[in-house]
PDB file of all heavy atoms in Angstrom:
ATOM      1  N   ASN A   1      -1.367  14.323  14.006  1.00  0.00           N
ATOM      2  CA  ASN A   1      -0.981  15.733  14.109  1.00  0.00           C
ATOM      3  C   ASN A   1       0.072  16.107  13.090  1.00  0.00           C
ATOM      4  O   ASN A   1       0.577  17.229  13.079  1.00  0.00           O
ATOM      5  CB  ASN A   1      -0.456  16.035  15.522  1.00  0.00           C
ATOM      6  CG  ASN A   1      -1.582  16.111  16.544  1.00  0.00           C
ATOM      7  OD1 ASN A   1      -2.694  16.530  16.232  1.00  0.00           O
ATOM      8  ND2 ASN A   1      -1.290  15.694  17.773  1.00  0.00           N
ATOM      9  N   ALA A   2       0.445  15.134  12.226  1.00  0.00           N
ATOM     10  CA  ALA A   2       1.461  15.375  11.202  1.00  0.00           C
ATOM     11  C   ALA A   2       0.813  16.038   9.992  1.00  0.00           C
ATOM     12  O   ALA A   2       0.604  15.426   8.942  1.00  0.00           O
ATOM     13  CB  ALA A   2       2.131  14.060  10.806  1.00  0.00           C
ATOM     14  N   ALA A   3       0.458  17.293  10.153  1.00  0.00           N
ATOM     15  CA  ALA A   3      -0.158  18.043   9.064  1.00  0.00           C
ATOM     16  C   ALA A   3       0.252  19.496   9.186  1.00  0.00           C
ATOM     17  O   ALA A   3       0.339  20.039  10.300  1.00  0.00           O
ATOM     18  CB  ALA A   3      -1.675  17.920   9.087  1.00  0.00           C
ATOM     19  N   VAL A   4       0.530  20.125   8.061  1.00  0.00           N
ATOM     20  CA  VAL A   4       0.873  21.541   8.046  1.00  0.00           C
ATOM     21  C   VAL A   4      -0.346  22.338   8.502  1.00  0.00           C
ATOM     22  O   VAL A   4      -1.422  22.248   7.911  1.00  0.00           O
ATOM     23  CB  VAL A   4       1.314  21.983   6.645  1.00  0.00           C
ATOM     24  CG1 VAL A   4       1.602  23.487   6.639  1.00  0.00           C
ATOM     25  CG2 VAL A   4       2.526  21.197   6.190  1.00  0.00           C
ATOM     26  N   GLY A   5      -0.203  23.103   9.577  1.00  0.00           N
ATOM     27  CA  GLY A   5      -1.316  23.881  10.113  1.00  0.00           C
ATOM     28  C   GLY A   5      -1.976  23.225  11.308  1.00  0.00           C
ATOM     29  O   GLY A   5      -2.852  23.833  11.929  1.00  0.00           O
ATOM     30  N   ALA A   6      -1.589  21.996  11.652  1.00  0.00           N
ATOM     31  CA  ALA A   6      -2.151  21.316  12.817  1.00  0.00           C
ATOM     32  C   ALA A   6      -1.315  21.651  14.048  1.00  0.00           C
ATOM     33  O   ALA A   6      -0.125  21.349  14.095  1.00  0.00           O
ATOM     34  CB  ALA A   6      -2.187  19.806  12.587  1.00  0.00           C
ATOM     35  N   ASP A   7      -1.946  22.279  15.056  1.00  0.00           N
ATOM     36  CA  ASP A   7      -1.210  22.665  16.268  1.00  0.00           C
ATOM     37  C   ASP A   7      -1.417  21.684  17.403  1.00  0.00           C
ATOM     38  O   ASP A   7      -0.780  21.804  18.453  1.00  0.00           O
ATOM     39  CB  ASP A   7      -1.615  24.067  16.714  1.00  0.00           C
ATOM     40  CG  ASP A   7      -3.113  24.212  16.929  1.00  0.00           C
ATOM     41  OD1 ASP A   7      -3.813  23.175  16.955  1.00  0.00           O
ATOM     42  OD2 ASP A   7      -3.583  25.357  17.048  1.00  0.00           O
ATOM     43  N   GLY A   8      -2.310  20.720  17.257  1.00  0.00           N
ATOM     44  CA  GLY A   8      -2.565  19.753  18.309  1.00  0.00           C
ATOM     45  C   GLY A   8      -3.511  20.251  19.378  1.00  0.00           C
ATOM     46  O   GLY A   8      -3.948  19.472  20.237  1.00  0.00           O
ATOM     47  N   PHE A   9      -3.858  21.531  19.377  1.00  0.00           N
ATOM     48  CA  PHE A   9      -4.786  22.103  20.351  1.00  0.00           C
ATOM     49  C   PHE A   9      -6.175  22.280  19.738  1.00  0.00           C
ATOM     50  O   PHE A   9      -7.145  21.697  20.187  1.00  0.00           O
ATOM     51  CB  PHE A   9      -4.263  23.454  20.857  1.00  0.00           C
ATOM     52  CG  PHE A   9      -2.917  23.366  21.504  1.00  0.00           C
ATOM     53  CD1 PHE A   9      -1.957  24.319  21.254  1.00  0.00           C
ATOM     54  CD2 PHE A   9      -2.616  22.328  22.371  1.00  0.00           C
ATOM     55  CE1 PHE A   9      -0.706  24.240  21.849  1.00  0.00           C
ATOM     56  CE2 PHE A   9      -1.379  22.237  22.971  1.00  0.00           C
ATOM     57  CZ  PHE A   9      -0.420  23.201  22.717  1.00  0.00           C
ATOM     58  N   ASN A  10      -6.238  23.103  18.731  1.00  0.00           N
ATOM     59  CA  ASN A  10      -7.523  23.375  18.079  1.00  0.00           C
ATOM     60  C   ASN A  10      -7.666  22.680  16.725  1.00  0.00           C
ATOM     61  O   ASN A  10      -8.770  22.430  16.273  1.00  0.00           O
ATOM     62  CB  ASN A  10      -7.706  24.885  17.864  1.00  0.00           C
ATOM     63  CG  ASN A  10      -7.603  25.654  19.162  1.00  0.00           C
ATOM     64  OD1 ASN A  10      -8.308  25.366  20.120  1.00  0.00           O
ATOM     65  ND2 ASN A  10      -6.682  26.617  19.211  1.00  0.00           N
ATOM     66  N   PHE A  11      -6.525  22.395  16.109  1.00  0.00           N
ATOM     67  CA  PHE A  11      -6.558  21.773  14.784  1.00  0.00           C
ATOM     68  C   PHE A  11      -5.644  20.550  14.770  1.00  0.00           C
ATOM     69  O   PHE A  11      -4.499  20.607  15.246  1.00  0.00           O
ATOM     70  CB  PHE A  11      -6.108  22.762  13.702  1.00  0.00           C
ATOM     71  CG  PHE A  11      -6.999  23.966  13.588  1.00  0.00           C
ATOM     72  CD1 PHE A  11      -6.628  25.163  14.169  1.00  0.00           C
ATOM     73  CD2 PHE A  11      -8.221  23.893  12.929  1.00  0.00           C
ATOM     74  CE1 PHE A  11      -7.452  26.272  14.094  1.00  0.00           C
ATOM     75  CE2 PHE A  11      -9.044  24.994  12.847  1.00  0.00           C
ATOM     76  CZ  PHE A  11      -8.668  26.191  13.430  1.00  0.00           C
ATOM     77  N   GLY A  12      -6.153  19.484  14.224  1.00  0.00           N
ATOM     78  CA  GLY A  12      -5.386  18.259  14.058  1.00  0.00           C
ATOM     79  C   GLY A  12      -5.328  17.890  12.586  1.00  0.00           C
ATOM     80  O   GLY A  12      -5.776  18.638  11.708  1.00  0.00           O
ATOM     81  N   GLY A  13      -4.765  16.748  12.305  1.00  0.00           N
ATOM     82  CA  GLY A  13      -4.651  16.290  10.930  1.00  0.00           C
ATOM     83  C   GLY A  13      -5.500  15.055  10.676  1.00  0.00           C
ATOM     84  O   GLY A  13      -5.776  14.274  11.600  1.00  0.00           O
ATOM     85  N   TYR A  14      -5.905  14.890   9.447  1.00  0.00           N
ATOM     86  CA  TYR A  14      -6.633  13.682   9.048  1.00  0.00           C
ATOM     87  C   TYR A  14      -5.992  13.161   7.767  1.00  0.00           C
ATOM     88  O   TYR A  14      -5.998  13.846   6.734  1.00  0.00           O
ATOM     89  CB  TYR A  14      -8.114  13.987   8.811  1.00  0.00           C
ATOM     90  CG  TYR A  14      -8.900  12.777   8.363  1.00  0.00           C
ATOM     91  CD1 TYR A  14      -9.243  11.774   9.268  1.00  0.00           C
ATOM     92  CD2 TYR A  14      -9.276  12.627   7.031  1.00  0.00           C
ATOM     93  CE1 TYR A  14      -9.952  10.656   8.864  1.00  0.00           C
ATOM     94  CE2 TYR A  14      -9.991  11.514   6.618  1.00  0.00           C
ATOM     95  CZ  TYR A  14     -10.322  10.528   7.539  1.00  0.00           C
ATOM     96  OH  TYR A  14     -11.020   9.417   7.125  1.00  0.00           O
ATOM     97  N   THR A  15      -5.388  11.990   7.833  1.00  0.00           N
ATOM     98  CA  THR A  15      -4.718  11.413   6.678  1.00  0.00           C
ATOM     99  C   THR A  15      -5.527  10.232   6.166  1.00  0.00           C
ATOM    100  O   THR A  15      -6.081   9.455   6.947  1.00  0.00           O
ATOM    101  CB  THR A  15      -3.278  10.989   7.030  1.00  0.00           C
ATOM    102  OG1 THR A  15      -2.641  10.471   5.859  1.00  0.00           O
ATOM    103  CG2 THR A  15      -3.250   9.933   8.114  1.00  0.00           C
ATOM    104  N   PHE A  16      -5.584  10.102   4.848  1.00  0.00           N
ATOM    105  CA  PHE A  16      -6.368   9.040   4.245  1.00  0.00           C
ATOM    106  C   PHE A  16      -5.825   8.748   2.854  1.00  0.00           C
ATOM    107  O   PHE A  16      -5.080   9.549   2.263  1.00  0.00           O
ATOM    108  CB  PHE A  16      -7.850   9.417   4.160  1.00  0.00           C
ATOM    109  CG  PHE A  16      -8.140  10.592   3.268  1.00  0.00           C
ATOM    110  CD1 PHE A  16      -8.654  10.412   1.994  1.00  0.00           C
ATOM    111  CD2 PHE A  16      -7.879  11.894   3.688  1.00  0.00           C
ATOM    112  CE1 PHE A  16      -8.909  11.487   1.162  1.00  0.00           C
ATOM    113  CE2 PHE A  16      -8.143  12.975   2.864  1.00  0.00           C
ATOM    114  CZ  PHE A  16      -8.651  12.774   1.602  1.00  0.00           C
ATOM    115  N   SER A  17      -6.188   7.606   2.328  1.00  0.00           N
ATOM    116  CA  SER A  17      -5.794   7.203   0.979  1.00  0.00           C
ATOM    117  C   SER A  17      -6.840   7.721  -0.002  1.00  0.00           C
ATOM    118  O   SER A  17      -7.993   7.276   0.013  1.00  0.00           O
ATOM    119  CB  SER A  17      -5.680   5.676   0.900  1.00  0.00           C
ATOM    120  OG  SER A  17      -5.321   5.268  -0.390  1.00  0.00           O
ATOM    121  N   ALA A  18      -6.439   8.659  -0.839  1.00  0.00           N
ATOM    122  CA  ALA A  18      -7.378   9.343  -1.731  1.00  0.00           C
ATOM    123  C   ALA A  18      -7.255   8.811  -3.153  1.00  0.00           C
ATOM    124  O   ALA A  18      -6.155   8.638  -3.671  1.00  0.00           O
ATOM    125  CB  ALA A  18      -7.121  10.849  -1.717  1.00  0.00           C
ATOM    126  N   SER A  19      -8.363   8.572  -3.793  1.00  0.00           N
ATOM    127  CA  SER A  19      -8.373   8.078  -5.173  1.00  0.00           C
ATOM    128  C   SER A  19      -8.086   9.220  -6.141  1.00  0.00           C
ATOM    129  O   SER A  19      -8.681  10.300  -6.055  1.00  0.00           O
ATOM    130  CB  SER A  19      -9.738   7.462  -5.493  1.00  0.00           C
ATOM    131  OG  SER A  19      -9.800   7.038  -6.835  1.00  0.00           O
ATOM    132  N   THR A  20      -7.140   8.976  -7.060  1.00  0.00           N
ATOM    133  CA  THR A  20      -6.779   9.980  -8.080  1.00  0.00           C
ATOM    134  C   THR A  20      -6.770   9.316  -9.461  1.00  0.00           C
ATOM    135  O   THR A  20      -5.709   9.053 -10.028  1.00  0.00           O
ATOM    136  CB  THR A  20      -5.401  10.595  -7.778  1.00  0.00           C
ATOM    137  OG1 THR A  20      -4.443   9.529  -7.648  1.00  0.00           O
ATOM    138  CG2 THR A  20      -5.430  11.406  -6.502  1.00  0.00           C
ATOM    139  N   PRO A  21      -7.931   9.023 -10.020  1.00  0.00           N
ATOM    140  CA  PRO A  21      -7.981   8.330 -11.321  1.00  0.00           C
ATOM    141  C   PRO A  21      -7.507   9.223 -12.461  1.00  0.00           C
ATOM    142  O   PRO A  21      -7.731  10.431 -12.459  1.00  0.00           O
ATOM    143  CB  PRO A  21      -9.465   7.978 -11.465  1.00  0.00           C
ATOM    144  CG  PRO A  21     -10.180   9.008 -10.645  1.00  0.00           C
ATOM    145  CD  PRO A  21      -9.271   9.314  -9.491  1.00  0.00           C
ATOM    146  N   VAL A  22      -6.830   8.593 -13.439  1.00  0.00           N
ATOM    147  CA  VAL A  22      -6.314   9.299 -14.610  1.00  0.00           C
ATOM    148  C   VAL A  22      -6.603   8.460 -15.852  1.00  0.00           C
ATOM    149  O   VAL A  22      -6.370   7.247 -15.859  1.00  0.00           O
ATOM    150  CB  VAL A  22      -4.792   9.550 -14.493  1.00  0.00           C
ATOM    151  CG1 VAL A  22      -4.263  10.179 -15.781  1.00  0.00           C
ATOM    152  CG2 VAL A  22      -4.486  10.432 -13.298  1.00  0.00           C
ATOM    153  N   THR A  23      -7.113   9.105 -16.881  1.00  0.00           N
ATOM    154  CA  THR A  23      -7.308   8.457 -18.180  1.00  0.00           C
ATOM    155  C   THR A  23      -6.610   9.284 -19.246  1.00  0.00           C
ATOM    156  O   THR A  23      -6.904  10.481 -19.396  1.00  0.00           O
ATOM    157  CB  THR A  23      -8.803   8.332 -18.523  1.00  0.00           C
ATOM    158  OG1 THR A  23      -9.452   7.537 -17.535  1.00  0.00           O
ATOM    159  CG2 THR A  23      -8.988   7.668 -19.878  1.00  0.00           C
ATOM    160  N   LEU A  24      -5.665   8.669 -19.959  1.00  0.00           N
ATOM    161  CA  LEU A  24      -4.894   9.347 -20.996  1.00  0.00           C
ATOM    162  C   LEU A  24      -5.158   8.670 -22.338  1.00  0.00           C
ATOM    163  O   LEU A  24      -4.890   7.480 -22.500  1.00  0.00           O
ATOM    164  CB  LEU A  24      -3.392   9.306 -20.684  1.00  0.00           C
ATOM    165  CG  LEU A  24      -2.954   9.819 -19.308  1.00  0.00           C
ATOM    166  CD1 LEU A  24      -1.447   9.646 -19.142  1.00  0.00           C
ATOM    167  CD2 LEU A  24      -3.349  11.268 -19.107  1.00  0.00           C
ATOM    168  N   ASN A  25      -5.699   9.414 -23.281  1.00  0.00           N
ATOM    169  CA  ASN A  25      -5.937   8.918 -24.636  1.00  0.00           C
ATOM    170  C   ASN A  25      -5.014   9.651 -25.604  1.00  0.00           C
ATOM    171  O   ASN A  25      -4.935  10.891 -25.584  1.00  0.00           O
ATOM    172  CB  ASN A  25      -7.391   9.133 -25.052  1.00  0.00           C
ATOM    173  CG  ASN A  25      -8.354   8.268 -24.256  1.00  0.00           C
ATOM    174  OD1 ASN A  25      -8.308   7.049 -24.329  1.00  0.00           O
ATOM    175  ND2 ASN A  25      -9.219   8.904 -23.485  1.00  0.00           N
ATOM    176  N   THR A  26      -4.330   8.904 -26.457  1.00  0.00           N
ATOM    177  CA  THR A  26      -3.393   9.478 -27.421  1.00  0.00           C
ATOM    178  C   THR A  26      -3.718   8.947 -28.808  1.00  0.00           C
ATOM    179  O   THR A  26      -3.849   7.732 -28.989  1.00  0.00           O
ATOM    180  CB  THR A  26      -1.944   9.126 -27.066  1.00  0.00           C
ATOM    181  OG1 THR A  26      -1.677   9.497 -25.715  1.00  0.00           O
ATOM    182  CG2 THR A  26      -0.969   9.859 -27.980  1.00  0.00           C
ATOM    183  N   TYR A  27      -3.836   9.879 -29.774  1.00  0.00           N
ATOM    184  CA  TYR A  27      -4.106   9.509 -31.165  1.00  0.00           C
ATOM    185  C   TYR A  27      -3.047  10.173 -32.043  1.00  0.00           C
ATOM    186  O   TYR A  27      -2.829  11.386 -31.970  1.00  0.00           O
ATOM    187  CB  TYR A  27      -5.495   9.977 -31.605  1.00  0.00           C
ATOM    188  CG  TYR A  27      -6.605   9.555 -30.677  1.00  0.00           C
ATOM    189  CD1 TYR A  27      -6.977  10.367 -29.600  1.00  0.00           C
ATOM    190  CD2 TYR A  27      -7.282   8.350 -30.854  1.00  0.00           C
ATOM    191  CE1 TYR A  27      -7.995   9.988 -28.733  1.00  0.00           C
ATOM    192  CE2 TYR A  27      -8.304   7.965 -30.001  1.00  0.00           C
ATOM    193  CZ  TYR A  27      -8.654   8.790 -28.944  1.00  0.00           C
ATOM    194  OH  TYR A  27      -9.663   8.412 -28.094  1.00  0.00           O
ATOM    195  N   ILE A  28      -2.373   9.371 -32.871  1.00  0.00           N
ATOM    196  CA  ILE A  28      -1.310   9.873 -33.739  1.00  0.00           C
ATOM    197  C   ILE A  28      -1.522   9.320 -35.147  1.00  0.00           C
ATOM    198  O   ILE A  28      -1.777   8.115 -35.313  1.00  0.00           O
ATOM    199  CB  ILE A  28       0.080   9.455 -33.214  1.00  0.00           C
ATOM    200  CG1 ILE A  28       0.311  10.022 -31.805  1.00  0.00           C
ATOM    201  CG2 ILE A  28       1.190   9.918 -34.154  1.00  0.00           C
ATOM    202  CD1 ILE A  28       1.579   9.509 -31.150  1.00  0.00           C
ATOM    203  N   ALA A  29      -1.424  10.178 -36.144  1.00  0.00           N
ATOM    204  CA  ALA A  29      -1.550   9.749 -37.542  1.00  0.00           C
ATOM    205  C   ALA A  29      -0.525  10.506 -38.375  1.00  0.00           C
ATOM    206  O   ALA A  29      -0.277  11.693 -38.152  1.00  0.00           O
ATOM    207  CB  ALA A  29      -2.952  10.021 -38.070  1.00  0.00           C
ATOM    208  N   LYS A  30       0.079   9.814 -39.337  1.00  0.00           N
ATOM    209  CA  LYS A  30       1.109  10.407 -40.175  1.00  0.00           C
ATOM    210  C   LYS A  30       0.963   9.902 -41.605  1.00  0.00           C
ATOM    211  O   LYS A  30       0.704   8.724 -41.844  1.00  0.00           O
ATOM    212  CB  LYS A  30       2.504  10.072 -39.642  1.00  0.00           C
ATOM    213  CG  LYS A  30       3.649  10.735 -40.398  1.00  0.00           C
ATOM    214  CD  LYS A  30       4.992  10.321 -39.835  1.00  0.00           C
ATOM    215  CE  LYS A  30       6.146  10.985 -40.579  1.00  0.00           C
ATOM    216  NZ  LYS A  30       7.464  10.492 -40.103  1.00  0.00           N
ATOM    217  N   VAL A  31       1.146  10.807 -42.575  1.00  0.00           N
ATOM    218  CA  VAL A  31       1.105  10.489 -44.001  1.00  0.00           C
ATOM    219  C   VAL A  31       2.401  10.977 -44.629  1.00  0.00           C
ATOM    220  O   VAL A  31       2.810  12.126 -44.413  1.00  0.00           O
ATOM    221  CB  VAL A  31      -0.111  11.137 -44.694  1.00  0.00           C
ATOM    222  CG1 VAL A  31      -0.065  10.872 -46.194  1.00  0.00           C
ATOM    223  CG2 VAL A  31      -1.402  10.607 -44.104  1.00  0.00           C
ATOM    224  N   ASP A  32       3.078  10.098 -45.404  1.00  0.00           N
ATOM    225  CA  ASP A  32       4.327  10.439 -46.095  1.00  0.00           C
ATOM    226  C   ASP A  32       4.116  10.302 -47.597  1.00  0.00           C
ATOM    227  O   ASP A  32       3.435   9.374 -48.068  1.00  0.00           O
ATOM    228  CB  ASP A  32       5.456   9.506 -45.656  1.00  0.00           C
ATOM    229  CG  ASP A  32       5.825   9.683 -44.204  1.00  0.00           C
ATOM    230  OD1 ASP A  32       5.175   9.050 -43.346  1.00  0.00           O
ATOM    231  OD2 ASP A  32       6.756  10.439 -43.913  1.00  0.00           O
ATOM    232  N   TYR A  33       4.755  11.216 -48.357  1.00  0.00           N
ATOM    233  CA  TYR A  33       4.657  11.163 -49.819  1.00  0.00           C
ATOM    234  C   TYR A  33       6.031  11.422 -50.424  1.00  0.00           C
ATOM    235  O   TYR A  33       6.677  12.433 -50.132  1.00  0.00           O
ATOM    236  CB  TYR A  33       3.662  12.215 -50.322  1.00  0.00           C
ATOM    237  CG  TYR A  33       3.501  12.217 -51.821  1.00  0.00           C
ATOM    238  CD1 TYR A  33       3.018  11.093 -52.499  1.00  0.00           C
ATOM    239  CD2 TYR A  33       3.834  13.345 -52.578  1.00  0.00           C
ATOM    240  CE1 TYR A  33       2.863  11.091 -53.867  1.00  0.00           C
ATOM    241  CE2 TYR A  33       3.681  13.351 -53.950  1.00  0.00           C
ATOM    242  CZ  TYR A  33       3.196  12.217 -54.597  1.00  0.00           C
ATOM    243  OH  TYR A  33       3.056  12.217 -55.967  1.00  0.00           O
ATOM    244  N   ASN A  34       6.484  10.480 -51.245  1.00  0.00           N
ATOM    245  CA  ASN A  34       7.747  10.625 -51.961  1.00  0.00           C
ATOM    246  C   ASN A  34       7.463  11.276 -53.314  1.00  0.00           C
ATOM    247  O   ASN A  34       6.900  10.648 -54.207  1.00  0.00           O
ATOM    248  CB  ASN A  34       8.405   9.259 -52.183  1.00  0.00           C
ATOM    249  CG  ASN A  34       8.879   8.634 -50.870  1.00  0.00           C
ATOM    250  OD1 ASN A  34       9.203   9.341 -49.925  1.00  0.00           O
ATOM    251  ND2 ASN A  34       8.893   7.317 -50.818  1.00  0.00           N
ATOM    252  N   ILE A  35       7.873  12.542 -53.466  1.00  0.00           N
ATOM    253  CA  ILE A  35       7.692  13.215 -54.750  1.00  0.00           C
ATOM    254  C   ILE A  35       8.714  12.679 -55.741  1.00  0.00           C
ATOM    255  O   ILE A  35       8.373  12.239 -56.839  1.00  0.00           O
ATOM    256  CB  ILE A  35       7.840  14.739 -54.574  1.00  0.00           C
ATOM    257  CG1 ILE A  35       6.798  15.252 -53.558  1.00  0.00           C
ATOM    258  CG2 ILE A  35       7.686  15.451 -55.912  1.00  0.00           C
ATOM    259  CD1 ILE A  35       6.953  16.712 -53.227  1.00  0.00           C
ATOM    260  N   ASN A  36       9.977  12.706 -55.356  1.00  0.00           N
ATOM    261  CA  ASN A  36      11.053  12.069 -56.119  1.00  0.00           C
ATOM    262  C   ASN A  36      12.249  11.920 -55.195  1.00  0.00           C
ATOM    263  O   ASN A  36      12.116  12.075 -53.972  1.00  0.00           O
ATOM    264  CB  ASN A  36      11.398  12.881 -57.385  1.00  0.00           C
ATOM    265  CG  ASN A  36      11.755  14.326 -57.051  1.00  0.00           C
ATOM    266  OD1 ASN A  36      12.470  14.587 -56.095  1.00  0.00           O
ATOM    267  ND2 ASN A  36      11.240  15.260 -57.839  1.00  0.00           N
ATOM    268  N   GLY A  37      13.411  11.617 -55.767  1.00  0.00           N
ATOM    269  CA  GLY A  37      14.572  11.345 -54.939  1.00  0.00           C
ATOM    270  C   GLY A  37      14.998  12.492 -54.055  1.00  0.00           C
ATOM    271  O   GLY A  37      15.602  12.271 -53.006  1.00  0.00           O
TER     272      GLY A  37
END
């Protein structure tokens, strides 16, 4: 019954371990050129 909106009479709570997969891809490239001093 530990759920926001659960009154214990008509509505209850259901708790479970939910999968939340995340994939993060990062690509970085840099070019430097020395013209002169």
